[in-house]
Amino acid sequence: MYLPKLYQVTDEAVIDKFIQQNSFATLVSCDRQTPVATHLPLELAQDASGAKFLHGHLARANKQWQTFDFDTEVLAIFSGPHTYVSARWYNHVNVPTWNYMVVHAYGRPRLVTDHDELYAMLKQLVDRYEAHAVTEKPYRLDTLPPDYIEKEMRGIVGFEIKVNRLEAKFKLSQNRHQQDYDHVIAELQKSGDSNARAVAGAMAEHRDSVFGG
């Protein structure tokens, strides 16, 4: 991705948090010369050595898994809030733009063929999202009939991507002076659009790193 230094994020903790908060990704691979993509949740994991992995699964009927080759990288795109920024909010003549936050993760995929490994991945995924449910009885895989689980697992293909490279771009008006930056935040906070307000929040959070405390 086009990544001007001004918008580049290199802090691994910030990138990891972003991936975890925006885990519904777009996974891109190539079928010969044709790009193919699937939209799906991916779980970020890290081993004792610090290596990062993305865990996910596809419907077996989705032929994208057949394009996976350990010698060829795939791309996972994690998109965050984004919004239009009007040139009316500057105190000088300029053009409109778009603010956004995105992470690209590149890595080599491995199909998960071991039954217990795949089950553990699925259980972790369900447990993570059910933890947010306001209920005394969250949905749990281990409470389902074993034959039902086996049937459902036969209909999917699990995979793991070992992350080789991360590119993070938070384009948040860092190229503007402080007065314009603060005015953009104020205008976005007025918006009824949740994306716009989220971008305003991200700009406020990163303000000190842009202009100093």
N, C-alpha and C. Protein backbone atom coordinates (compact mmCIF):
# COMPACT_ATOMS: atom_id res chain seq x y z
N MET A 1 0.85 -1.18 0.00
CA MET A 1 0.00 0.00 0.00
C MET A 1 0.89 1.24 0.00
N TYR A 2 0.36 2.30 -0.58
CA TYR A 2 1.07 3.59 -0.56
C TYR A 2 1.12 4.06 0.88
N LEU A 3 2.33 4.28 1.41
CA LEU A 3 2.49 4.51 2.84
C LEU A 3 3.46 5.65 3.13
N PRO A 4 3.00 6.90 3.00
CA PRO A 4 3.85 8.03 3.38
C PRO A 4 4.27 7.93 4.84
N LYS A 5 5.50 8.31 5.14
CA LYS A 5 6.02 8.17 6.49
C LYS A 5 5.17 8.90 7.52
N LEU A 6 4.55 10.00 7.10
CA LEU A 6 3.75 10.81 8.02
C LEU A 6 2.59 10.01 8.61
N TYR A 7 2.08 9.05 7.83
CA TYR A 7 0.90 8.29 8.26
C TYR A 7 1.25 6.87 8.72
N GLN A 8 2.52 6.54 8.69
CA GLN A 8 2.93 5.18 9.02
C GLN A 8 2.91 4.94 10.53
N VAL A 9 2.41 3.77 10.93
CA VAL A 9 2.40 3.36 12.33
C VAL A 9 3.31 2.14 12.46
N THR A 10 4.24 2.18 13.40
CA THR A 10 5.19 1.08 13.57
C THR A 10 5.12 0.44 14.95
N ASP A 11 4.39 1.03 15.87
CA ASP A 11 4.28 0.50 17.23
C ASP A 11 3.47 -0.81 17.19
N GLU A 12 4.13 -1.93 17.50
CA GLU A 12 3.47 -3.23 17.38
C GLU A 12 2.28 -3.36 18.31
N ALA A 13 2.36 -2.78 19.49
CA ALA A 13 1.24 -2.85 20.43
C ALA A 13 0.01 -2.14 19.87
N VAL A 14 0.23 -0.99 19.22
CA VAL A 14 -0.87 -0.24 18.61
C VAL A 14 -1.47 -1.04 17.45
N ILE A 15 -0.61 -1.64 16.64
CA ILE A 15 -1.08 -2.43 15.49
C ILE A 15 -1.86 -3.65 15.96
N ASP A 16 -1.34 -4.36 16.96
CA ASP A 16 -2.02 -5.55 17.47
C ASP A 16 -3.41 -5.19 18.01
N LYS A 17 -3.48 -4.09 18.76
CA LYS A 17 -4.76 -3.65 19.32
C LYS A 17 -5.74 -3.32 18.20
N PHE A 18 -5.26 -2.68 17.16
CA PHE A 18 -6.12 -2.32 16.03
C PHE A 18 -6.68 -3.57 15.37
N ILE A 19 -5.82 -4.56 15.13
CA ILE A 19 -6.27 -5.82 14.50
C ILE A 19 -7.33 -6.48 15.38
N GLN A 20 -7.09 -6.53 16.67
CA GLN A 20 -8.03 -7.18 17.58
C GLN A 20 -9.37 -6.45 17.62
N GLN A 21 -9.34 -5.13 17.48
CA GLN A 21 -10.58 -4.35 17.53
C GLN A 21 -11.30 -4.30 16.19
N ASN A 22 -10.60 -4.66 15.12
CA ASN A 22 -11.17 -4.62 13.76
C ASN A 22 -10.90 -5.95 13.07
N SER A 23 -11.32 -7.04 13.73
CA SER A 23 -10.89 -8.37 13.31
C SER A 23 -11.64 -8.93 12.11
N PHE A 24 -12.72 -8.26 11.67
CA PHE A 24 -13.40 -8.73 10.46
C PHE A 24 -12.62 -8.22 9.26
N ALA A 25 -11.90 -9.14 8.62
CA ALA A 25 -10.89 -8.78 7.64
C ALA A 25 -11.32 -9.13 6.21
N THR A 26 -10.54 -8.65 5.26
CA THR A 26 -10.64 -9.08 3.87
C THR A 26 -9.37 -9.86 3.55
N LEU A 27 -9.53 -11.13 3.20
CA LEU A 27 -8.39 -12.00 2.91
C LEU A 27 -8.25 -12.14 1.40
N VAL A 28 -7.07 -11.75 0.89
CA VAL A 28 -6.84 -11.74 -0.56
C VAL A 28 -5.74 -12.72 -0.92
N SER A 29 -6.01 -13.55 -1.93
CA SER A 29 -5.00 -14.45 -2.49
C SER A 29 -5.15 -14.42 -4.00
N CYS A 30 -4.31 -15.18 -4.69
CA CYS A 30 -4.37 -15.19 -6.15
C CYS A 30 -4.64 -16.59 -6.68
N ASP A 31 -5.59 -16.68 -7.58
CA ASP A 31 -5.87 -17.91 -8.32
C ASP A 31 -5.27 -17.74 -9.69
N ARG A 32 -4.01 -18.22 -9.82
CA ARG A 32 -3.21 -17.94 -11.01
C ARG A 32 -3.03 -16.44 -11.13
N GLN A 33 -3.69 -15.80 -12.11
CA GLN A 33 -3.51 -14.36 -12.30
C GLN A 33 -4.68 -13.55 -11.76
N THR A 34 -5.65 -14.20 -11.15
CA THR A 34 -6.86 -13.51 -10.72
C THR A 34 -6.91 -13.37 -9.21
N PRO A 35 -7.03 -12.15 -8.70
CA PRO A 35 -7.18 -11.97 -7.25
C PRO A 35 -8.54 -12.49 -6.79
N VAL A 36 -8.57 -13.15 -5.64
CA VAL A 36 -9.82 -13.59 -5.03
C VAL A 36 -9.82 -13.14 -3.58
N ALA A 37 -11.00 -12.89 -3.03
CA ALA A 37 -11.08 -12.36 -1.67
C ALA A 37 -12.27 -12.94 -0.93
N THR A 38 -12.11 -13.04 0.39
CA THR A 38 -13.19 -13.46 1.29
C THR A 38 -13.20 -12.51 2.48
N HIS A 39 -14.39 -12.19 2.96
CA HIS A 39 -14.55 -11.34 4.13
C HIS A 39 -14.87 -12.25 5.32
N LEU A 40 -14.04 -12.18 6.35
CA LEU A 40 -14.16 -13.15 7.45
C LEU A 40 -13.43 -12.65 8.69
N PRO A 41 -13.78 -13.17 9.88
CA PRO A 41 -13.04 -12.81 11.09
C PRO A 41 -11.72 -13.57 11.15
N LEU A 42 -10.67 -12.88 11.59
CA LEU A 42 -9.37 -13.50 11.78
C LEU A 42 -8.90 -13.20 13.19
N GLU A 43 -8.36 -14.22 13.85
CA GLU A 43 -7.88 -14.08 15.22
C GLU A 43 -6.36 -13.94 15.23
N LEU A 44 -5.87 -12.92 15.91
CA LEU A 44 -4.44 -12.70 16.03
C LEU A 44 -3.90 -13.50 17.21
N ALA A 45 -2.81 -14.25 16.97
CA ALA A 45 -2.17 -15.03 18.02
C ALA A 45 -0.67 -14.80 17.96
N GLN A 46 0.02 -15.10 19.05
CA GLN A 46 1.46 -14.91 19.13
C GLN A 46 2.06 -16.05 19.94
N ASP A 47 3.18 -16.61 19.45
CA ASP A 47 3.80 -17.70 20.20
C ASP A 47 4.89 -17.17 21.13
N ALA A 48 5.56 -18.07 21.83
CA ALA A 48 6.55 -17.68 22.83
C ALA A 48 7.72 -16.93 22.23
N SER A 49 8.00 -17.16 20.96
CA SER A 49 9.11 -16.48 20.30
C SER A 49 8.76 -15.08 19.83
N GLY A 50 7.47 -14.74 19.90
CA GLY A 50 7.03 -13.43 19.43
C GLY A 50 6.48 -13.45 18.02
N ALA A 51 6.52 -14.60 17.35
CA ALA A 51 5.98 -14.71 15.99
C ALA A 51 4.46 -14.53 16.04
N LYS A 52 3.92 -13.85 15.05
CA LYS A 52 2.48 -13.57 14.99
C LYS A 52 1.81 -14.46 13.95
N PHE A 53 0.57 -14.84 14.26
CA PHE A 53 -0.21 -15.70 13.39
C PHE A 53 -1.64 -15.19 13.31
N LEU A 54 -2.29 -15.45 12.18
CA LEU A 54 -3.71 -15.18 12.02
C LEU A 54 -4.43 -16.50 11.82
N HIS A 55 -5.47 -16.72 12.59
CA HIS A 55 -6.24 -17.96 12.51
C HIS A 55 -7.62 -17.66 11.92
N GLY A 56 -8.07 -18.55 11.04
CA GLY A 56 -9.39 -18.38 10.46
C GLY A 56 -9.87 -19.65 9.81
N HIS A 57 -11.05 -19.60 9.25
CA HIS A 57 -11.57 -20.75 8.51
C HIS A 57 -12.50 -20.27 7.40
N LEU A 58 -12.59 -21.09 6.37
CA LEU A 58 -13.44 -20.83 5.22
C LEU A 58 -14.43 -21.98 5.06
N ALA A 59 -15.57 -21.69 4.44
CA ALA A 59 -16.46 -22.78 4.05
C ALA A 59 -15.70 -23.67 3.07
N ARG A 60 -15.85 -24.98 3.21
CA ARG A 60 -15.15 -25.89 2.29
C ARG A 60 -15.57 -25.63 0.85
N ALA A 61 -16.81 -25.18 0.66
CA ALA A 61 -17.28 -24.89 -0.69
C ALA A 61 -16.66 -23.64 -1.29
N ASN A 62 -16.03 -22.81 -0.43
CA ASN A 62 -15.33 -21.62 -0.91
C ASN A 62 -13.97 -22.04 -1.43
N LYS A 63 -13.77 -21.97 -2.71
CA LYS A 63 -12.57 -22.52 -3.34
C LYS A 63 -11.31 -21.69 -3.09
N GLN A 64 -11.43 -20.58 -2.37
CA GLN A 64 -10.23 -19.78 -2.14
C GLN A 64 -9.16 -20.57 -1.40
N TRP A 65 -9.57 -21.47 -0.50
CA TRP A 65 -8.56 -22.23 0.25
C TRP A 65 -7.68 -23.06 -0.67
N GLN A 66 -8.19 -23.39 -1.85
CA GLN A 66 -7.39 -24.17 -2.81
C GLN A 66 -6.30 -23.33 -3.48
N THR A 67 -6.37 -22.01 -3.31
CA THR A 67 -5.33 -21.14 -3.87
C THR A 67 -4.15 -20.99 -2.91
N PHE A 68 -4.31 -21.46 -1.66
CA PHE A 68 -3.26 -21.27 -0.67
C PHE A 68 -2.03 -22.11 -1.02
N ASP A 69 -0.89 -21.46 -0.97
CA ASP A 69 0.39 -22.10 -1.26
C ASP A 69 1.39 -21.53 -0.26
N PHE A 70 2.04 -22.39 0.50
CA PHE A 70 2.94 -21.90 1.55
C PHE A 70 4.10 -21.09 0.98
N ASP A 71 4.38 -21.22 -0.29
CA ASP A 71 5.47 -20.47 -0.91
C ASP A 71 5.00 -19.10 -1.42
N THR A 72 3.70 -18.81 -1.31
CA THR A 72 3.15 -17.56 -1.83
C THR A 72 2.39 -16.83 -0.73
N GLU A 73 2.68 -15.56 -0.56
CA GLU A 73 2.01 -14.78 0.48
C GLU A 73 0.55 -14.49 0.14
N VAL A 74 -0.26 -14.38 1.18
CA VAL A 74 -1.61 -13.85 1.07
C VAL A 74 -1.64 -12.52 1.82
N LEU A 75 -2.70 -11.76 1.63
CA LEU A 75 -2.84 -10.45 2.25
C LEU A 75 -4.14 -10.39 3.04
N ALA A 76 -4.05 -10.02 4.31
CA ALA A 76 -5.23 -9.78 5.14
C ALA A 76 -5.34 -8.28 5.40
N ILE A 77 -6.47 -7.71 5.08
CA ILE A 77 -6.70 -6.27 5.24
C ILE A 77 -7.67 -6.04 6.39
N PHE A 78 -7.23 -5.25 7.36
CA PHE A 78 -8.07 -4.90 8.51
C PHE A 78 -8.40 -3.41 8.41
N SER A 79 -9.67 -3.11 8.24
CA SER A 79 -10.09 -1.72 8.05
C SER A 79 -10.77 -1.19 9.30
N GLY A 80 -10.42 0.03 9.65
CA GLY A 80 -11.03 0.69 10.80
C GLY A 80 -11.96 1.80 10.35
N PRO A 81 -12.25 2.75 11.23
CA PRO A 81 -13.15 3.85 10.88
C PRO A 81 -12.56 4.73 9.78
N HIS A 82 -13.45 5.32 9.01
CA HIS A 82 -13.02 6.20 7.91
C HIS A 82 -14.10 7.26 7.70
N THR A 83 -13.71 8.40 7.16
CA THR A 83 -14.70 9.46 6.98
C THR A 83 -14.21 10.54 6.01
N TYR A 84 -15.15 11.21 5.42
CA TYR A 84 -14.89 12.38 4.58
C TYR A 84 -14.48 13.57 5.44
N VAL A 85 -13.50 14.32 4.97
CA VAL A 85 -13.05 15.54 5.66
C VAL A 85 -13.23 16.70 4.68
N SER A 86 -14.11 17.63 5.03
CA SER A 86 -14.42 18.75 4.15
C SER A 86 -13.35 19.83 4.21
N ALA A 87 -13.06 20.43 3.05
CA ALA A 87 -12.11 21.55 3.00
C ALA A 87 -12.69 22.80 3.65
N ARG A 88 -14.00 22.78 3.95
CA ARG A 88 -14.63 23.92 4.64
C ARG A 88 -14.08 24.07 6.06
N TRP A 89 -13.48 23.00 6.58
CA TRP A 89 -13.03 23.00 7.97
C TRP A 89 -11.61 23.53 8.14
N TYR A 90 -10.97 23.97 7.04
CA TYR A 90 -9.64 24.55 7.11
C TYR A 90 -9.76 26.07 7.08
N ASN A 91 -8.73 26.76 7.54
CA ASN A 91 -8.78 28.23 7.52
C ASN A 91 -8.02 28.78 6.31
N HIS A 92 -7.89 27.95 5.27
CA HIS A 92 -7.22 28.37 4.04
C HIS A 92 -7.78 27.55 2.89
N VAL A 93 -7.51 27.96 1.69
CA VAL A 93 -8.00 27.25 0.51
C VAL A 93 -7.31 25.89 0.41
N ASN A 94 -8.10 24.84 0.22
CA ASN A 94 -7.54 23.51 0.09
C ASN A 94 -8.57 22.61 -0.56
N VAL A 95 -8.33 21.31 -0.56
CA VAL A 95 -9.26 20.36 -1.17
C VAL A 95 -9.74 19.37 -0.10
N PRO A 96 -10.89 18.75 -0.31
CA PRO A 96 -11.37 17.74 0.63
C PRO A 96 -10.47 16.50 0.62
N THR A 97 -10.62 15.65 1.63
CA THR A 97 -9.84 14.42 1.68
C THR A 97 -10.63 13.36 2.43
N TRP A 98 -10.00 12.24 2.68
CA TRP A 98 -10.63 11.14 3.42
C TRP A 98 -9.65 10.67 4.49
N ASN A 99 -10.09 10.61 5.72
CA ASN A 99 -9.27 10.07 6.80
C ASN A 99 -9.67 8.62 7.06
N TYR A 100 -8.68 7.79 7.37
CA TYR A 100 -8.98 6.37 7.58
C TYR A 100 -7.83 5.69 8.31
N MET A 101 -8.13 4.47 8.79
CA MET A 101 -7.14 3.66 9.50
C MET A 101 -7.21 2.24 8.92
N VAL A 102 -6.04 1.68 8.58
CA VAL A 102 -6.01 0.37 7.95
C VAL A 102 -4.70 -0.33 8.26
N VAL A 103 -4.75 -1.66 8.35
CA VAL A 103 -3.54 -2.47 8.53
C VAL A 103 -3.54 -3.57 7.47
N HIS A 104 -2.40 -3.76 6.82
CA HIS A 104 -2.20 -4.86 5.88
C HIS A 104 -1.25 -5.86 6.53
N ALA A 105 -1.67 -7.12 6.56
CA ALA A 105 -0.82 -8.19 7.10
C ALA A 105 -0.52 -9.18 5.99
N TYR A 106 0.77 -9.40 5.75
CA TYR A 106 1.22 -10.33 4.71
C TYR A 106 1.80 -11.57 5.37
N GLY A 107 1.50 -12.71 4.82
CA GLY A 107 2.06 -13.93 5.39
C GLY A 107 1.77 -15.15 4.54
N ARG A 108 2.34 -16.26 4.96
CA ARG A 108 2.20 -17.51 4.21
C ARG A 108 1.19 -18.41 4.94
N PRO A 109 0.21 -18.95 4.21
CA PRO A 109 -0.84 -19.73 4.83
C PRO A 109 -0.49 -21.21 4.98
N ARG A 110 -1.07 -21.80 6.00
CA ARG A 110 -0.95 -23.25 6.23
C ARG A 110 -2.35 -23.78 6.54
N LEU A 111 -2.76 -24.84 5.84
CA LEU A 111 -4.05 -25.45 6.12
C LEU A 111 -3.97 -26.22 7.44
N VAL A 112 -4.98 -26.08 8.25
CA VAL A 112 -5.05 -26.78 9.54
C VAL A 112 -5.85 -28.06 9.32
N THR A 113 -5.16 -29.19 9.30
CA THR A 113 -5.81 -30.48 9.04
C THR A 113 -6.00 -31.29 10.32
N ASP A 114 -5.35 -30.91 11.40
CA ASP A 114 -5.49 -31.63 12.66
C ASP A 114 -6.82 -31.28 13.32
N HIS A 115 -7.60 -32.27 13.66
CA HIS A 115 -8.94 -32.07 14.20
C HIS A 115 -8.91 -31.24 15.49
N ASP A 116 -8.03 -31.59 16.43
CA ASP A 116 -8.01 -30.92 17.72
C ASP A 116 -7.54 -29.47 17.59
N GLU A 117 -6.60 -29.23 16.69
CA GLU A 117 -6.12 -27.86 16.47
C GLU A 117 -7.24 -26.99 15.91
N LEU A 118 -7.98 -27.53 14.94
CA LEU A 118 -9.08 -26.77 14.35
C LEU A 118 -10.17 -26.51 15.39
N TYR A 119 -10.50 -27.51 16.18
CA TYR A 119 -11.53 -27.34 17.21
C TYR A 119 -11.12 -26.25 18.20
N ALA A 120 -9.84 -26.26 18.60
CA ALA A 120 -9.35 -25.24 19.54
C ALA A 120 -9.48 -23.84 18.94
N MET A 121 -9.18 -23.70 17.65
CA MET A 121 -9.31 -22.41 16.99
C MET A 121 -10.77 -21.94 16.99
N LEU A 122 -11.68 -22.85 16.68
CA LEU A 122 -13.10 -22.50 16.63
C LEU A 122 -13.61 -22.14 18.02
N LYS A 123 -13.21 -22.89 19.01
CA LYS A 123 -13.64 -22.63 20.38
C LYS A 123 -13.15 -21.26 20.86
N GLN A 124 -11.90 -20.94 20.54
CA GLN A 124 -11.36 -19.64 20.94
C GLN A 124 -12.14 -18.50 20.28
N LEU A 125 -12.48 -18.68 19.01
CA LEU A 125 -13.22 -17.65 18.28
C LEU A 125 -14.60 -17.43 18.90
N VAL A 126 -15.33 -18.53 19.16
CA VAL A 126 -16.66 -18.41 19.75
C VAL A 126 -16.59 -17.82 21.16
N ASP A 127 -15.65 -18.33 21.96
CA ASP A 127 -15.54 -17.84 23.34
C ASP A 127 -15.23 -16.35 23.40
N ARG A 128 -14.43 -15.88 22.46
CA ARG A 128 -14.08 -14.46 22.47
C ARG A 128 -15.31 -13.59 22.28
N TYR A 129 -16.15 -13.92 21.31
CA TYR A 129 -17.29 -13.06 21.02
C TYR A 129 -18.46 -13.31 21.96
N GLU A 130 -18.61 -14.52 22.45
CA GLU A 130 -19.66 -14.79 23.42
C GLU A 130 -19.37 -14.14 24.77
N ALA A 131 -18.10 -13.82 25.02
CA ALA A 131 -17.74 -13.16 26.27
C ALA A 131 -18.41 -11.79 26.40
N HIS A 132 -18.83 -11.21 25.28
CA HIS A 132 -19.48 -9.90 25.31
C HIS A 132 -20.99 -10.00 25.53
N ALA A 133 -21.52 -11.22 25.50
CA ALA A 133 -22.97 -11.38 25.61
C ALA A 133 -23.43 -11.12 27.05
N VAL A 134 -24.55 -10.42 27.15
CA VAL A 134 -25.13 -10.15 28.46
C VAL A 134 -26.10 -11.29 28.77
N THR A 135 -25.56 -12.38 29.25
CA THR A 135 -26.36 -13.56 29.54
C THR A 135 -25.61 -14.46 30.52
N GLU A 136 -26.36 -15.24 31.27
CA GLU A 136 -25.72 -16.18 32.18
C GLU A 136 -25.37 -17.48 31.49
N LYS A 137 -25.88 -17.66 30.25
CA LYS A 137 -25.64 -18.89 29.52
C LYS A 137 -25.11 -18.59 28.12
N PRO A 138 -23.83 -18.21 28.00
CA PRO A 138 -23.27 -17.96 26.67
C PRO A 138 -23.22 -19.23 25.85
N TYR A 139 -23.21 -19.06 24.56
CA TYR A 139 -23.11 -20.19 23.63
C TYR A 139 -21.72 -20.80 23.75
N ARG A 140 -21.65 -22.12 23.85
CA ARG A 140 -20.36 -22.80 24.00
C ARG A 140 -20.33 -24.03 23.10
N LEU A 141 -19.22 -24.20 22.41
CA LEU A 141 -19.10 -25.37 21.53
C LEU A 141 -19.14 -26.67 22.31
N ASP A 142 -18.56 -26.67 23.50
CA ASP A 142 -18.46 -27.93 24.24
C ASP A 142 -19.78 -28.37 24.86
N THR A 143 -20.86 -27.60 24.66
CA THR A 143 -22.17 -28.03 25.14
C THR A 143 -23.01 -28.61 24.00
N LEU A 144 -22.49 -28.58 22.78
CA LEU A 144 -23.23 -29.08 21.62
C LEU A 144 -23.01 -30.58 21.46
N PRO A 145 -23.95 -31.28 20.83
CA PRO A 145 -23.77 -32.72 20.59
C PRO A 145 -22.53 -32.97 19.74
N PRO A 146 -21.67 -33.90 20.14
CA PRO A 146 -20.42 -34.17 19.40
C PRO A 146 -20.64 -34.49 17.93
N ASP A 147 -21.70 -35.24 17.61
CA ASP A 147 -21.91 -35.59 16.20
C ASP A 147 -22.28 -34.36 15.38
N TYR A 148 -22.96 -33.39 16.02
CA TYR A 148 -23.29 -32.14 15.31
C TYR A 148 -22.02 -31.33 15.04
N ILE A 149 -21.15 -31.23 16.03
CA ILE A 149 -19.89 -30.51 15.86
C ILE A 149 -19.06 -31.15 14.75
N GLU A 150 -18.98 -32.47 14.73
CA GLU A 150 -18.19 -33.17 13.71
C GLU A 150 -18.73 -32.87 12.32
N LYS A 151 -20.05 -32.88 12.18
CA LYS A 151 -20.67 -32.59 10.89
C LYS A 151 -20.34 -31.18 10.43
N GLU A 152 -20.46 -30.22 11.34
CA GLU A 152 -20.19 -28.82 10.98
C GLU A 152 -18.71 -28.61 10.64
N MET A 153 -17.82 -29.26 11.37
CA MET A 153 -16.39 -29.11 11.11
C MET A 153 -15.99 -29.67 9.76
N ARG A 154 -16.70 -30.67 9.29
CA ARG A 154 -16.40 -31.22 7.96
C ARG A 154 -16.74 -30.24 6.85
N GLY A 155 -17.55 -29.25 7.17
CA GLY A 155 -17.95 -28.28 6.15
C GLY A 155 -17.06 -27.06 6.06
N ILE A 156 -15.96 -27.04 6.82
CA ILE A 156 -15.07 -25.88 6.79
C ILE A 156 -13.62 -26.33 6.60
N VAL A 157 -12.78 -25.37 6.28
CA VAL A 157 -11.34 -25.58 6.17
C VAL A 157 -10.64 -24.53 7.02
N GLY A 158 -9.89 -24.97 8.01
CA GLY A 158 -9.16 -24.04 8.85
C GLY A 158 -7.80 -23.71 8.28
N PHE A 159 -7.29 -22.55 8.64
CA PHE A 159 -5.96 -22.16 8.17
C PHE A 159 -5.28 -21.26 9.19
N GLU A 160 -3.98 -21.20 9.07
CA GLU A 160 -3.14 -20.31 9.89
C GLU A 160 -2.21 -19.56 8.96
N ILE A 161 -2.09 -18.27 9.18
CA ILE A 161 -1.17 -17.44 8.39
C ILE A 161 -0.06 -16.97 9.31
N LYS A 162 1.16 -17.32 8.98
CA LYS A 162 2.30 -16.79 9.73
C LYS A 162 2.62 -15.41 9.17
N VAL A 163 2.48 -14.40 10.00
CA VAL A 163 2.64 -13.03 9.53
C VAL A 163 4.12 -12.71 9.33
N ASN A 164 4.47 -12.33 8.12
CA ASN A 164 5.84 -11.95 7.79
C ASN A 164 6.05 -10.44 7.80
N ARG A 165 4.98 -9.70 7.55
CA ARG A 165 5.13 -8.25 7.40
C ARG A 165 3.81 -7.57 7.71
N LEU A 166 3.90 -6.44 8.43
CA LEU A 166 2.73 -5.63 8.74
C LEU A 166 2.93 -4.21 8.23
N GLU A 167 1.92 -3.66 7.61
CA GLU A 167 1.93 -2.26 7.19
C GLU A 167 0.70 -1.60 7.79
N ALA A 168 0.91 -0.54 8.56
CA ALA A 168 -0.19 0.15 9.21
C ALA A 168 -0.21 1.62 8.79
N LYS A 169 -1.38 2.08 8.40
CA LYS A 169 -1.53 3.47 7.95
C LYS A 169 -2.73 4.09 8.67
N PHE A 170 -2.44 5.11 9.49
CA PHE A 170 -3.48 5.89 10.13
C PHE A 170 -3.42 7.30 9.54
N LYS A 171 -4.25 7.57 8.57
CA LYS A 171 -4.28 8.89 7.92
C LYS A 171 -5.29 9.74 8.68
N LEU A 172 -4.77 10.59 9.56
CA LEU A 172 -5.62 11.33 10.51
C LEU A 172 -5.30 12.82 10.53
N SER A 173 -5.11 13.41 9.35
CA SER A 173 -4.85 14.85 9.23
C SER A 173 -3.55 15.28 9.88
N GLN A 174 -2.56 14.38 9.93
CA GLN A 174 -1.26 14.74 10.50
C GLN A 174 -0.55 15.82 9.69
N ASN A 175 -0.98 16.03 8.44
CA ASN A 175 -0.34 17.03 7.59
C ASN A 175 -0.91 18.42 7.79
N ARG A 176 -1.84 18.58 8.73
CA ARG A 176 -2.45 19.89 8.99
C ARG A 176 -1.85 20.53 10.23
N HIS A 177 -1.95 21.84 10.30
CA HIS A 177 -1.46 22.51 11.51
C HIS A 177 -2.48 22.32 12.63
N GLN A 178 -2.09 22.69 13.82
CA GLN A 178 -2.86 22.35 15.02
C GLN A 178 -4.27 22.92 15.00
N GLN A 179 -4.43 24.14 14.53
CA GLN A 179 -5.75 24.76 14.53
C GLN A 179 -6.71 23.99 13.62
N ASP A 180 -6.24 23.65 12.42
CA ASP A 180 -7.09 22.89 11.50
C ASP A 180 -7.37 21.49 12.05
N TYR A 181 -6.36 20.89 12.64
CA TYR A 181 -6.50 19.54 13.20
C TYR A 181 -7.62 19.52 14.25
N ASP A 182 -7.57 20.49 15.16
CA ASP A 182 -8.58 20.55 16.21
C ASP A 182 -9.96 20.87 15.64
N HIS A 183 -10.01 21.69 14.58
CA HIS A 183 -11.29 22.04 13.98
C HIS A 183 -11.90 20.81 13.31
N VAL A 184 -11.08 20.01 12.65
CA VAL A 184 -11.57 18.77 12.03
C VAL A 184 -12.17 17.86 13.10
N ILE A 185 -11.47 17.71 14.22
CA ILE A 185 -12.00 16.88 15.31
C ILE A 185 -13.37 17.40 15.76
N ALA A 186 -13.47 18.71 15.97
CA ALA A 186 -14.72 19.30 16.44
C ALA A 186 -15.87 19.07 15.46
N GLU A 187 -15.59 19.21 14.18
CA GLU A 187 -16.63 19.01 13.17
C GLU A 187 -17.05 17.54 13.08
N LEU A 188 -16.09 16.64 13.15
CA LEU A 188 -16.42 15.21 13.09
C LEU A 188 -17.22 14.77 14.31
N GLN A 189 -16.94 15.37 15.45
CA GLN A 189 -17.68 15.02 16.68
C GLN A 189 -19.15 15.40 16.59
N LYS A 190 -19.47 16.37 15.73
CA LYS A 190 -20.87 16.78 15.56
C LYS A 190 -21.66 15.83 14.68
N SER A 191 -20.97 14.98 13.97
CA SER A 191 -21.61 14.13 12.97
C SER A 191 -22.50 13.07 13.61
N GLY A 192 -23.55 12.72 12.90
CA GLY A 192 -24.40 11.61 13.33
C GLY A 192 -23.87 10.27 12.87
N ASP A 193 -22.76 10.28 12.11
CA ASP A 193 -22.18 9.05 11.59
C ASP A 193 -21.16 8.48 12.58
N SER A 194 -21.31 7.22 12.93
CA SER A 194 -20.43 6.61 13.94
C SER A 194 -18.99 6.54 13.45
N ASN A 195 -18.78 6.35 12.14
CA ASN A 195 -17.43 6.34 11.60
C ASN A 195 -16.74 7.68 11.81
N ALA A 196 -17.45 8.74 11.52
CA ALA A 196 -16.88 10.09 11.68
C ALA A 196 -16.50 10.34 13.13
N ARG A 197 -17.37 9.97 14.05
CA ARG A 197 -17.07 10.20 15.47
C ARG A 197 -15.90 9.32 15.93
N ALA A 198 -15.80 8.11 15.36
CA ALA A 198 -14.68 7.24 15.71
C ALA A 198 -13.35 7.81 15.22
N VAL A 199 -13.36 8.39 14.02
CA VAL A 199 -12.16 9.04 13.51
C VAL A 199 -11.79 10.23 14.39
N ALA A 200 -12.79 11.00 14.81
CA ALA A 200 -12.53 12.12 15.73
C ALA A 200 -11.88 11.62 17.00
N GLY A 201 -12.37 10.51 17.53
CA GLY A 201 -11.78 9.94 18.73
C GLY A 201 -10.35 9.50 18.53
N ALA A 202 -10.07 8.89 17.38
CA ALA A 202 -8.70 8.45 17.07
C ALA A 202 -7.78 9.65 16.92
N MET A 203 -8.27 10.72 16.28
CA MET A 203 -7.46 11.93 16.13
C MET A 203 -7.15 12.54 17.49
N ALA A 204 -8.14 12.58 18.36
CA ALA A 204 -7.92 13.12 19.70
C ALA A 204 -6.91 12.26 20.47
N GLU A 205 -7.01 10.94 20.30
CA GLU A 205 -6.10 10.03 21.00
C GLU A 205 -4.66 10.20 20.54
N HIS A 206 -4.47 10.49 19.25
CA HIS A 206 -3.12 10.59 18.69
C HIS A 206 -2.62 12.04 18.63
N ARG A 207 -3.39 12.97 19.14
CA ARG A 207 -3.04 14.39 19.02
C ARG A 207 -1.68 14.70 19.61
N ASP A 208 -1.38 14.19 20.79
CA ASP A 208 -0.10 14.50 21.45
C ASP A 208 1.08 13.98 20.65
N SER A 209 0.92 12.83 19.99
CA SER A 209 2.03 12.28 19.20
C SER A 209 2.25 13.09 17.93
N VAL A 210 1.21 13.81 17.47
CA VAL A 210 1.33 14.65 16.27
C VAL A 210 1.96 15.99 16.61
N PHE A 211 1.51 16.62 17.71
CA PHE A 211 1.95 17.98 18.04
C PHE A 211 2.79 18.06 19.31
N GLY A 212 2.94 16.94 20.00
CA GLY A 212 3.67 16.96 21.26
C GLY A 212 2.72 17.27 22.41
N GLY A 213 3.08 16.77 23.59
CA GLY A 213 2.23 16.95 24.76
C GLY A 213 2.09 18.40 25.16
